[in-house]
Amino acid sequence: MKRTTALLSSLLLGLALAGCSSTSGSLPPRGAEATDADATTFRQNETEQAMQRQVTPPLDAPLSLVQFAEPRYPSFLLGDNSRSPRANVVVSFEVLPSGFIGATKVLSDTDEALNKPVVSAIRNWRFAPPKRDGKPARLFLQHTFRLEP
């Protein structure tokens, strides 16, 4: 009888502990594959951090991208990968006090076919309105995009 009680107690304890575990965290379950959305979120966070390092003097709150779009490699350039151009497109752009994007300028000497999707993506970005010392701020930033098929 004591043995049955001990076994039953162990079983109930094991079930109770198993119920405490959760797979609903920020990380996918072990062995799960990353999705395109995960990759986009990762790149957005990296982009935000890279731009935050350019902001001096600091803002009242960290720079925050609230709308993010990635440039798409032009489909008409796809095909033979050995001939599809790869490039780092360097762009400077203005973040207006409203958080919208103002002027943009491609700084790198790259193919216009690769520049267009980069500028188009940046124009769709939105930031939380930047403020410095409680006042709206205008920022001038630069970012490098790696485009490849």
C-alpha atoms as a PDB file:
ATOM      1  CA  MET A   1       0.000   0.000   0.000  1.00  0.00           C
ATOM      2  CA  LYS A   2       2.814   2.407   0.911  1.00  0.00           C
ATOM      3  CA  ARG A   3       4.500   1.580  -2.378  1.00  0.00           C
ATOM      4  CA  THR A   4       1.320   2.357  -4.342  1.00  0.00           C
ATOM      5  CA  THR A   5       0.870   5.633  -2.460  1.00  0.00           C
ATOM      6  CA  ALA A   6       4.489   6.654  -3.138  1.00  0.00           C
ATOM      7  CA  LEU A   7       4.138   5.771  -6.815  1.00  0.00           C
ATOM      8  CA  LEU A   8       0.876   7.685  -7.091  1.00  0.00           C
ATOM      9  CA  SER A   9       2.412  10.714  -5.336  1.00  0.00           C
ATOM     10  CA  SER A  10       5.383  10.691  -7.726  1.00  0.00           C
ATOM     11  CA  LEU A  11       3.073  10.445 -10.711  1.00  0.00           C
ATOM     12  CA  LEU A  12       0.910  13.362  -9.524  1.00  0.00           C
ATOM     13  CA  LEU A  13       3.993  15.487  -8.793  1.00  0.00           C
ATOM     14  CA  GLY A  14       5.335  14.763 -12.283  1.00  0.00           C
ATOM     15  CA  LEU A  15       2.033  15.737 -13.890  1.00  0.00           C
ATOM     16  CA  ALA A  16       1.835  18.916 -11.832  1.00  0.00           C
ATOM     17  CA  LEU A  17       5.352  19.948 -12.864  1.00  0.00           C
ATOM     18  CA  ALA A  18       4.657  19.122 -16.503  1.00  0.00           C
ATOM     19  CA  GLY A  19       1.647  21.444 -16.382  1.00  0.00           C
ATOM     20  CA  CYS A  20       3.907  24.297 -15.261  1.00  0.00           C
ATOM     21  CA  SER A  21       5.996  24.218 -18.426  1.00  0.00           C
ATOM     22  CA  SER A  22       4.999  26.437 -21.304  1.00  0.00           C
ATOM     23  CA  THR A  23       5.922  26.625 -24.957  1.00  0.00           C
ATOM     24  CA  SER A  24       4.346  30.048 -25.466  1.00  0.00           C
ATOM     25  CA  GLY A  25       7.505  32.133 -25.046  1.00  0.00           C
ATOM     26  CA  SER A  26       9.296  34.525 -27.353  1.00  0.00           C
ATOM     27  CA  LEU A  27      11.430  31.728 -28.746  1.00  0.00           C
ATOM     28  CA  PRO A  28      10.087  29.037 -31.049  1.00  0.00           C
ATOM     29  CA  PRO A  29      10.118  25.478 -29.688  1.00  0.00           C
ATOM     30  CA  ARG A  30      13.476  23.741 -29.905  1.00  0.00           C
ATOM     31  CA  GLY A  31      14.043  22.518 -33.454  1.00  0.00           C
ATOM     32  CA  ALA A  32      11.395  24.831 -34.945  1.00  0.00           C
ATOM     33  CA  GLU A  33      12.374  26.710 -38.062  1.00  0.00           C
ATOM     34  CA  ALA A  34      12.485  30.494 -38.173  1.00  0.00           C
ATOM     35  CA  THR A  35       9.793  32.082 -40.323  1.00  0.00           C
ATOM     36  CA  ASP A  36      10.106  34.985 -42.748  1.00  0.00           C
ATOM     37  CA  ALA A  37       8.330  37.147 -40.161  1.00  0.00           C
ATOM     38  CA  ASP A  38      10.971  36.199 -37.566  1.00  0.00           C
ATOM     39  CA  ALA A  39      13.739  37.150 -39.992  1.00  0.00           C
ATOM     40  CA  THR A  40      12.069  40.469 -40.841  1.00  0.00           C
ATOM     41  CA  THR A  41      11.631  41.321 -37.161  1.00  0.00           C
ATOM     42  CA  PHE A  42      15.274  40.458 -36.515  1.00  0.00           C
ATOM     43  CA  ARG A  43      16.454  42.700 -39.386  1.00  0.00           C
ATOM     44  CA  GLN A  44      14.147  45.510 -38.227  1.00  0.00           C
ATOM     45  CA  ASN A  45      15.662  45.350 -34.736  1.00  0.00           C
ATOM     46  CA  GLU A  46      19.195  45.344 -36.157  1.00  0.00           C
ATOM     47  CA  THR A  47      18.327  48.319 -38.381  1.00  0.00           C
ATOM     48  CA  GLU A  48      16.863  50.237 -35.437  1.00  0.00           C
ATOM     49  CA  GLN A  49      19.972  49.621 -33.338  1.00  0.00           C
ATOM     50  CA  ALA A  50      22.330  50.654 -36.150  1.00  0.00           C
ATOM     51  CA  MET A  51      20.463  53.920 -36.646  1.00  0.00           C
ATOM     52  CA  GLN A  52      20.182  54.606 -32.918  1.00  0.00           C
ATOM     53  CA  ARG A  53      24.002  54.643 -32.743  1.00  0.00           C
ATOM     54  CA  GLN A  54      24.019  57.536 -35.259  1.00  0.00           C
ATOM     55  CA  VAL A  55      21.785  59.809 -33.174  1.00  0.00           C
ATOM     56  CA  THR A  56      23.704  62.479 -31.252  1.00  0.00           C
ATOM     57  CA  PRO A  57      22.860  64.163 -29.002  1.00  0.00           C
ATOM     58  CA  PRO A  58      20.530  61.453 -27.721  1.00  0.00           C
ATOM     59  CA  LEU A  59      16.764  61.601 -28.058  1.00  0.00           C
ATOM     60  CA  ASP A  60      14.322  61.615 -25.137  1.00  0.00           C
ATOM     61  CA  ALA A  61      13.318  58.036 -26.062  1.00  0.00           C
ATOM     62  CA  PRO A  62      15.154  55.481 -28.222  1.00  0.00           C
ATOM     63  CA  LEU A  63      14.568  55.713 -31.948  1.00  0.00           C
ATOM     64  CA  SER A  64      11.711  53.378 -32.829  1.00  0.00           C
ATOM     65  CA  LEU A  65      10.732  52.092 -36.274  1.00  0.00           C
ATOM     66  CA  VAL A  66       6.956  51.612 -36.194  1.00  0.00           C
ATOM     67  CA  GLN A  67       6.588  50.693 -39.867  1.00  0.00           C
ATOM     68  CA  PHE A  68       9.317  48.775 -41.659  1.00  0.00           C
ATOM     69  CA  ALA A  69       9.618  47.532 -45.223  1.00  0.00           C
ATOM     70  CA  GLU A  70      12.527  45.661 -46.734  1.00  0.00           C
ATOM     71  CA  PRO A  71      13.665  46.322 -50.289  1.00  0.00           C
ATOM     72  CA  ARG A  72      12.867  43.530 -52.710  1.00  0.00           C
ATOM     73  CA  TYR A  73      15.422  42.399 -55.231  1.00  0.00           C
ATOM     74  CA  PRO A  74      14.073  43.303 -58.708  1.00  0.00           C
ATOM     75  CA  SER A  75      12.535  40.225 -60.323  1.00  0.00           C
ATOM     76  CA  PHE A  76      13.692  41.213 -63.809  1.00  0.00           C
ATOM     77  CA  LEU A  77      17.300  40.864 -62.625  1.00  0.00           C
ATOM     78  CA  LEU A  78      16.770  37.300 -61.403  1.00  0.00           C
ATOM     79  CA  GLY A  79      17.819  34.358 -63.492  1.00  0.00           C
ATOM     80  CA  ASP A  80      21.404  33.327 -63.933  1.00  0.00           C
ATOM     81  CA  ASN A  81      22.813  34.031 -60.447  1.00  0.00           C
ATOM     82  CA  SER A  82      26.297  34.539 -61.855  1.00  0.00           C
ATOM     83  CA  ARG A  83      25.007  37.576 -63.779  1.00  0.00           C
ATOM     84  CA  SER A  84      22.601  38.971 -61.199  1.00  0.00           C
ATOM     85  CA  PRO A  85      24.262  41.989 -59.606  1.00  0.00           C
ATOM     86  CA  ARG A  86      24.879  42.115 -55.883  1.00  0.00           C
ATOM     87  CA  ALA A  87      25.449  45.416 -54.188  1.00  0.00           C
ATOM     88  CA  ASN A  88      25.614  47.371 -50.988  1.00  0.00           C
ATOM     89  CA  VAL A  89      23.318  50.345 -51.462  1.00  0.00           C
ATOM     90  CA  VAL A  90      24.155  53.172 -49.067  1.00  0.00           C
ATOM     91  CA  VAL A  91      21.376  55.702 -48.520  1.00  0.00           C
ATOM     92  CA  SER A  92      21.134  58.850 -46.444  1.00  0.00           C
ATOM     93  CA  PHE A  93      17.690  59.999 -45.424  1.00  0.00           C
ATOM     94  CA  GLU A  94      15.876  62.499 -43.285  1.00  0.00           C
ATOM     95  CA  VAL A  95      13.461  61.569 -40.508  1.00  0.00           C
ATOM     96  CA  LEU A  96      10.987  64.422 -40.126  1.00  0.00           C
ATOM     97  CA  PRO A  97       9.663  65.503 -36.707  1.00  0.00           C
ATOM     98  CA  SER A  98       6.429  63.660 -37.599  1.00  0.00           C
ATOM     99  CA  GLY A  99       8.347  60.377 -37.966  1.00  0.00           C
ATOM    100  CA  PHE A 100       7.806  60.272 -41.731  1.00  0.00           C
ATOM    101  CA  ILE A 101      10.727  60.089 -44.157  1.00  0.00           C
ATOM    102  CA  GLY A 102      11.783  63.278 -45.909  1.00  0.00           C
ATOM    103  CA  ALA A 103      14.630  63.604 -48.395  1.00  0.00           C
ATOM    104  CA  THR A 104      16.549  60.508 -49.461  1.00  0.00           C
ATOM    105  CA  LYS A 105      19.811  60.234 -51.358  1.00  0.00           C
ATOM    106  CA  VAL A 106      21.708  57.195 -52.613  1.00  0.00           C
ATOM    107  CA  LEU A 107      25.364  57.657 -51.670  1.00  0.00           C
ATOM    108  CA  SER A 108      26.797  54.520 -53.264  1.00  0.00           C
ATOM    109  CA  ASP A 109      27.696  54.077 -56.901  1.00  0.00           C
ATOM    110  CA  THR A 110      25.267  51.244 -57.602  1.00  0.00           C
ATOM    111  CA  ASP A 111      22.975  50.188 -60.422  1.00  0.00           C
ATOM    112  CA  GLU A 112      19.791  52.291 -60.583  1.00  0.00           C
ATOM    113  CA  ALA A 113      17.774  49.059 -60.791  1.00  0.00           C
ATOM    114  CA  LEU A 114      18.998  48.233 -57.261  1.00  0.00           C
ATOM    115  CA  ASN A 115      18.689  51.790 -55.926  1.00  0.00           C
ATOM    116  CA  LYS A 116      14.977  52.129 -56.709  1.00  0.00           C
ATOM    117  CA  PRO A 117      13.671  49.329 -54.449  1.00  0.00           C
ATOM    118  CA  VAL A 118      15.844  50.594 -51.581  1.00  0.00           C
ATOM    119  CA  VAL A 119      14.547  54.167 -51.831  1.00  0.00           C
ATOM    120  CA  SER A 120      10.994  52.863 -52.221  1.00  0.00           C
ATOM    121  CA  ALA A 121      11.335  50.737 -49.058  1.00  0.00           C
ATOM    122  CA  ILE A 122      12.762  53.624 -47.014  1.00  0.00           C
ATOM    123  CA  ARG A 123       9.956  55.937 -48.097  1.00  0.00           C
ATOM    124  CA  ASN A 124       7.522  53.446 -46.516  1.00  0.00           C
ATOM    125  CA  TRP A 125       9.290  53.515 -43.158  1.00  0.00           C
ATOM    126  CA  ARG A 126       7.733  55.353 -40.227  1.00  0.00           C
ATOM    127  CA  PHE A 127       9.360  56.207 -36.927  1.00  0.00           C
ATOM    128  CA  ALA A 128       7.786  57.163 -33.645  1.00  0.00           C
ATOM    129  CA  PRO A 129       8.088  60.986 -33.753  1.00  0.00           C
ATOM    130  CA  PRO A 130      11.595  61.743 -32.455  1.00  0.00           C
ATOM    131  CA  LYS A 131      11.919  64.281 -29.633  1.00  0.00           C
ATOM    132  CA  ARG A 132      14.916  65.899 -28.028  1.00  0.00           C
ATOM    133  CA  ASP A 133      14.514  67.926 -24.833  1.00  0.00           C
ATOM    134  CA  GLY A 134      10.733  67.616 -25.230  1.00  0.00           C
ATOM    135  CA  LYS A 135      10.757  69.225 -28.694  1.00  0.00           C
ATOM    136  CA  PRO A 136      10.195  67.558 -32.089  1.00  0.00           C
ATOM    137  CA  ALA A 137      13.514  66.641 -33.713  1.00  0.00           C
ATOM    138  CA  ARG A 138      14.649  66.196 -37.299  1.00  0.00           C
ATOM    139  CA  LEU A 139      17.250  63.500 -37.910  1.00  0.00           C
ATOM    140  CA  PHE A 140      19.637  62.735 -40.733  1.00  0.00           C
ATOM    141  CA  LEU A 141      20.609  59.078 -40.887  1.00  0.00           C
ATOM    142  CA  GLN A 142      22.441  56.669 -43.154  1.00  0.00           C
ATOM    143  CA  HIS A 143      21.910  52.969 -43.746  1.00  0.00           C
ATOM    144  CA  THR A 144      23.535  50.286 -45.901  1.00  0.00           C
ATOM    145  CA  PHE A 145      21.361  47.663 -47.573  1.00  0.00           C
ATOM    146  CA  ARG A 146      22.834  44.425 -48.917  1.00  0.00           C
ATOM    147  CA  LEU A 147      20.933  43.413 -52.050  1.00  0.00           C
ATOM    148  CA  GLU A 148      21.471  40.042 -53.649  1.00  0.00           C
ATOM    149  CA  PRO A 149      19.314  37.558 -55.519  1.00  0.00           C
END
